[in-house]
Amino acid sequence: MKIFLMFITLFSLAANLAATGKMSYFGAVNEAYGACFASLLNLPARGTFQVAGLPKNAPVEIKVTASRVLQLP
């Protein structure tokens, strides 16, 4: 989690997408999302969907899209 928080300070998050094995996990995913991104002024776009299964029976898989704004001289 600490590495992830360092990552979001260096980059601007554009979106994240969560795949879950059961939609009953949505509440927990939503709570974790709020806790991770509470410090951001602009929350990234997000989506959650259910899949038949994830690798190694993981309950959730999250894909994050980020960008880094380069300052030109």
C-alpha atoms as a PDB file:
ATOM      1  CA  MET A   1       0.000   0.000   0.000  1.00  0.00           C
ATOM      2  CA  LYS A   2       2.841   2.400   0.833  1.00  0.00           C
ATOM      3  CA  ILE A   3       4.402   1.908  -2.612  1.00  0.00           C
ATOM      4  CA  PHE A   4       1.021   2.510  -4.233  1.00  0.00           C
ATOM      5  CA  LEU A   5       0.542   5.783  -2.295  1.00  0.00           C
ATOM      6  CA  MET A   6       4.019   6.928  -3.406  1.00  0.00           C
ATOM      7  CA  PHE A   7       3.022   6.090  -6.998  1.00  0.00           C
ATOM      8  CA  ILE A   8      -0.112   8.235  -6.920  1.00  0.00           C
ATOM      9  CA  THR A   9       1.884  11.229  -5.692  1.00  0.00           C
ATOM     10  CA  LEU A  10       4.198  11.006  -8.723  1.00  0.00           C
ATOM     11  CA  PHE A  11       1.537  10.415 -11.370  1.00  0.00           C
ATOM     12  CA  SER A  12      -1.904  11.699 -12.234  1.00  0.00           C
ATOM     13  CA  LEU A  13      -4.372   8.824 -12.158  1.00  0.00           C
ATOM     14  CA  ALA A  14      -6.759   8.846 -15.091  1.00  0.00           C
ATOM     15  CA  ALA A  15      -8.832   5.722 -14.455  1.00  0.00           C
ATOM     16  CA  ASN A  16      -9.014   2.390 -12.728  1.00  0.00           C
ATOM     17  CA  LEU A  17     -10.944  -0.746 -13.497  1.00  0.00           C
ATOM     18  CA  ALA A  18     -11.683  -3.485 -10.961  1.00  0.00           C
ATOM     19  CA  ALA A  19     -12.654  -7.029 -11.911  1.00  0.00           C
ATOM     20  CA  THR A  20     -14.162  -9.108  -9.126  1.00  0.00           C
ATOM     21  CA  GLY A  21     -15.217 -12.721  -8.891  1.00  0.00           C
ATOM     22  CA  LYS A  22     -18.408 -11.769  -7.036  1.00  0.00           C
ATOM     23  CA  MET A  23     -20.382  -8.537  -7.077  1.00  0.00           C
ATOM     24  CA  SER A  24     -20.909  -9.054  -3.344  1.00  0.00           C
ATOM     25  CA  TYR A  25     -17.301  -7.805  -3.030  1.00  0.00           C
ATOM     26  CA  PHE A  26     -18.316  -4.431  -4.501  1.00  0.00           C
ATOM     27  CA  GLY A  27     -18.867  -2.810  -1.079  1.00  0.00           C
ATOM     28  CA  ALA A  28     -15.389  -3.759   0.092  1.00  0.00           C
ATOM     29  CA  VAL A  29     -13.837  -2.629  -3.208  1.00  0.00           C
ATOM     30  CA  ASN A  30     -15.702   0.670  -2.974  1.00  0.00           C
ATOM     31  CA  GLU A  31     -14.539   1.193   0.626  1.00  0.00           C
ATOM     32  CA  ALA A  32     -10.903   0.453  -0.264  1.00  0.00           C
ATOM     33  CA  TYR A  33     -11.157   2.781  -3.276  1.00  0.00           C
ATOM     34  CA  GLY A  34     -12.373   5.590  -1.046  1.00  0.00           C
ATOM     35  CA  ALA A  35      -9.589   5.009   1.466  1.00  0.00           C
ATOM     36  CA  CYS A  36      -6.844   4.935  -1.187  1.00  0.00           C
ATOM     37  CA  PHE A  37      -7.984   7.971  -3.121  1.00  0.00           C
ATOM     38  CA  ALA A  38      -9.448  10.142  -0.342  1.00  0.00           C
ATOM     39  CA  SER A  39      -6.518  12.572  -0.520  1.00  0.00           C
ATOM     40  CA  LEU A  40      -6.933  13.272  -4.251  1.00  0.00           C
ATOM     41  CA  LEU A  41      -8.792  16.391  -5.300  1.00  0.00           C
ATOM     42  CA  ASN A  42     -10.022  14.830  -8.537  1.00  0.00           C
ATOM     43  CA  LEU A  43     -10.973  11.193  -8.276  1.00  0.00           C
ATOM     44  CA  PRO A  44     -10.089   9.095 -11.326  1.00  0.00           C
ATOM     45  CA  ALA A  45     -12.828   7.516 -13.410  1.00  0.00           C
ATOM     46  CA  ARG A  46     -13.560   3.967 -12.361  1.00  0.00           C
ATOM     47  CA  GLY A  47     -15.505   0.887 -13.228  1.00  0.00           C
ATOM     48  CA  THR A  48     -16.194  -2.461 -11.593  1.00  0.00           C
ATOM     49  CA  PHE A  49     -17.439  -5.633 -13.221  1.00  0.00           C
ATOM     50  CA  GLN A  50     -17.854  -9.288 -12.353  1.00  0.00           C
ATOM     51  CA  VAL A  51     -15.880 -12.030 -14.080  1.00  0.00           C
ATOM     52  CA  ALA A  52     -16.197 -15.823 -13.974  1.00  0.00           C
ATOM     53  CA  GLY A  53     -12.776 -16.200 -12.358  1.00  0.00           C
ATOM     54  CA  LEU A  54      -9.443 -14.520 -11.748  1.00  0.00           C
ATOM     55  CA  PRO A  55      -5.892 -15.951 -11.750  1.00  0.00           C
ATOM     56  CA  LYS A  56      -4.967 -17.825  -8.557  1.00  0.00           C
ATOM     57  CA  ASN A  57      -8.572 -17.351  -7.346  1.00  0.00           C
ATOM     58  CA  ALA A  58      -7.881 -13.717  -6.431  1.00  0.00           C
ATOM     59  CA  PRO A  59     -11.003 -11.916  -5.184  1.00  0.00           C
ATOM     60  CA  VAL A  60     -10.205  -8.683  -7.066  1.00  0.00           C
ATOM     61  CA  GLU A  61      -7.921  -7.531  -9.873  1.00  0.00           C
ATOM     62  CA  ILE A  62      -7.379  -3.810 -10.404  1.00  0.00           C
ATOM     63  CA  LYS A  63      -5.992  -2.062 -13.480  1.00  0.00           C
ATOM     64  CA  VAL A  64      -4.828   1.537 -13.017  1.00  0.00           C
ATOM     65  CA  THR A  65      -4.159   3.971 -15.848  1.00  0.00           C
ATOM     66  CA  ALA A  66      -1.909   6.900 -14.985  1.00  0.00           C
ATOM     67  CA  SER A  67      -0.090   9.674 -16.751  1.00  0.00           C
ATOM     68  CA  ARG A  68       2.794  11.865 -15.856  1.00  0.00           C
ATOM     69  CA  VAL A  69       2.717  15.481 -16.910  1.00  0.00           C
ATOM     70  CA  LEU A  70       6.103  16.634 -18.107  1.00  0.00           C
ATOM     71  CA  GLN A  71       7.058  20.221 -17.492  1.00  0.00           C
ATOM     72  CA  LEU A  72       8.532  21.822 -20.582  1.00  0.00           C
ATOM     73  CA  PRO A  73      11.364  24.331 -20.201  1.00  0.00           C
END
